[in-house]
Amino acid sequence: MIVPELNSIKKENAKIKLSLGLINKRLDDVNRHLVDQSRRIDETNKRTDVVREGLEQKIDATNNRIDQLTFQVAR
């Protein structure tokens, strides 16, 4: 009476272990993908910072030129 039920439990346990192994593999794949995406975001942020710095310099130069022109007109 106990042996057939024990065999059934062993089979279910084997299925659960197989499912758990597949789930863990999928989680590892997702984690690798997230790490890759994070790296790409960091690289994009660095490029954005470089562009922002360049634009700030151009804006400062334009503002200085406007200030010079305004000073000349005010005289």
C-alpha atoms as a PDB file:
ATOM      1  CA  MET A   1       0.000   0.000   0.000  1.00  0.00           C
ATOM      2  CA  ILE A   2       2.785   2.491   0.870  1.00  0.00           C
ATOM      3  CA  VAL A   3       5.203   1.372  -1.868  1.00  0.00           C
ATOM      4  CA  PRO A   4       3.004   2.362  -4.871  1.00  0.00           C
ATOM      5  CA  GLU A   5       2.306   5.739  -3.292  1.00  0.00           C
ATOM      6  CA  LEU A   6       6.020   6.181  -2.573  1.00  0.00           C
ATOM      7  CA  ASN A   7       6.843   5.438  -6.205  1.00  0.00           C
ATOM      8  CA  SER A   8       4.280   8.013  -7.295  1.00  0.00           C
ATOM      9  CA  ILE A   9       5.846  10.598  -4.988  1.00  0.00           C
ATOM     10  CA  LYS A  10       9.314   9.785  -6.367  1.00  0.00           C
ATOM     11  CA  LYS A  11       8.087  10.301  -9.938  1.00  0.00           C
ATOM     12  CA  GLU A  12       6.467  13.622  -9.029  1.00  0.00           C
ATOM     13  CA  ASN A  13       9.646  14.666  -7.229  1.00  0.00           C
ATOM     14  CA  ALA A  14      11.710  13.869 -10.343  1.00  0.00           C
ATOM     15  CA  LYS A  15       9.358  16.001 -12.476  1.00  0.00           C
ATOM     16  CA  ILE A  16       9.606  18.864  -9.993  1.00  0.00           C
ATOM     17  CA  LYS A  17      13.414  18.647 -10.008  1.00  0.00           C
ATOM     18  CA  LEU A  18      13.437  18.735 -13.803  1.00  0.00           C
ATOM     19  CA  SER A  19      11.109  21.749 -13.840  1.00  0.00           C
ATOM     20  CA  LEU A  20      13.195  23.503 -11.211  1.00  0.00           C
ATOM     21  CA  GLY A  21      16.353  22.901 -13.257  1.00  0.00           C
ATOM     22  CA  LEU A  22      14.718  24.414 -16.351  1.00  0.00           C
ATOM     23  CA  ILE A  23      13.443  27.397 -14.353  1.00  0.00           C
ATOM     24  CA  ASN A  24      16.905  27.998 -12.895  1.00  0.00           C
ATOM     25  CA  LYS A  25      18.460  27.889 -16.368  1.00  0.00           C
ATOM     26  CA  ARG A  26      15.912  30.410 -17.610  1.00  0.00           C
ATOM     27  CA  LEU A  27      16.611  32.687 -14.650  1.00  0.00           C
ATOM     28  CA  ASP A  28      20.328  32.501 -15.393  1.00  0.00           C
ATOM     29  CA  ASP A  29      19.620  33.476 -19.022  1.00  0.00           C
ATOM     30  CA  VAL A  30      17.461  36.410 -17.912  1.00  0.00           C
ATOM     31  CA  ASN A  31      20.125  37.556 -15.430  1.00  0.00           C
ATOM     32  CA  ARG A  32      22.804  37.446 -18.147  1.00  0.00           C
ATOM     33  CA  HIS A  33      20.538  39.467 -20.409  1.00  0.00           C
ATOM     34  CA  LEU A  34      19.915  42.057 -17.681  1.00  0.00           C
ATOM     35  CA  VAL A  35      23.657  42.402 -17.014  1.00  0.00           C
ATOM     36  CA  ASP A  36      24.230  42.955 -20.735  1.00  0.00           C
ATOM     37  CA  GLN A  37      21.448  45.537 -20.891  1.00  0.00           C
ATOM     38  CA  SER A  38      22.878  47.309 -17.843  1.00  0.00           C
ATOM     39  CA  ARG A  39      26.296  47.469 -19.502  1.00  0.00           C
ATOM     40  CA  ARG A  40      24.754  48.906 -22.659  1.00  0.00           C
ATOM     41  CA  ILE A  41      22.850  51.512 -20.643  1.00  0.00           C
ATOM     42  CA  ASP A  42      26.079  52.516 -18.880  1.00  0.00           C
ATOM     43  CA  GLU A  43      27.836  52.933 -22.236  1.00  0.00           C
ATOM     44  CA  THR A  44      24.945  55.002 -23.578  1.00  0.00           C
ATOM     45  CA  ASN A  45      25.002  57.186 -20.465  1.00  0.00           C
ATOM     46  CA  LYS A  46      28.721  57.826 -20.952  1.00  0.00           C
ATOM     47  CA  ARG A  47      28.157  58.877 -24.561  1.00  0.00           C
ATOM     48  CA  THR A  48      25.250  61.078 -23.491  1.00  0.00           C
ATOM     49  CA  ASP A  49      27.470  62.758 -20.887  1.00  0.00           C
ATOM     50  CA  VAL A  50      30.098  63.529 -23.543  1.00  0.00           C
ATOM     51  CA  VAL A  51      27.476  65.045 -25.849  1.00  0.00           C
ATOM     52  CA  ARG A  52      25.956  67.029 -22.957  1.00  0.00           C
ATOM     53  CA  GLU A  53      29.360  68.458 -22.022  1.00  0.00           C
ATOM     54  CA  GLY A  54      29.959  69.489 -25.629  1.00  0.00           C
ATOM     55  CA  LEU A  55      26.568  71.171 -25.813  1.00  0.00           C
ATOM     56  CA  GLU A  56      27.153  72.982 -22.525  1.00  0.00           C
ATOM     57  CA  GLN A  57      30.409  74.372 -23.888  1.00  0.00           C
ATOM     58  CA  LYS A  58      28.680  75.557 -27.063  1.00  0.00           C
ATOM     59  CA  ILE A  59      25.865  77.131 -25.055  1.00  0.00           C
ATOM     60  CA  ASP A  60      28.384  78.906 -22.822  1.00  0.00           C
ATOM     61  CA  ALA A  61      30.243  80.203 -25.864  1.00  0.00           C
ATOM     62  CA  THR A  62      26.979  81.405 -27.416  1.00  0.00           C
ATOM     63  CA  ASN A  63      25.945  83.105 -24.165  1.00  0.00           C
ATOM     64  CA  ASN A  64      29.322  84.840 -23.969  1.00  0.00           C
ATOM     65  CA  ARG A  65      28.947  86.045 -27.538  1.00  0.00           C
ATOM     66  CA  ILE A  66      25.442  87.354 -26.796  1.00  0.00           C
ATOM     67  CA  ASP A  67      26.768  89.138 -23.709  1.00  0.00           C
ATOM     68  CA  GLN A  68      29.524  90.737 -25.804  1.00  0.00           C
ATOM     69  CA  LEU A  69      27.094  91.881 -28.446  1.00  0.00           C
ATOM     70  CA  THR A  70      24.678  93.198 -25.828  1.00  0.00           C
ATOM     71  CA  PHE A  71      27.501  95.145 -24.168  1.00  0.00           C
ATOM     72  CA  GLN A  72      28.539  96.632 -27.532  1.00  0.00           C
ATOM     73  CA  VAL A  73      24.977  97.694 -28.368  1.00  0.00           C
ATOM     74  CA  ALA A  74      24.470  99.197 -24.913  1.00  0.00           C
ATOM     75  CA  ARG A  75      27.441 101.526 -25.326  1.00  0.00           C
END
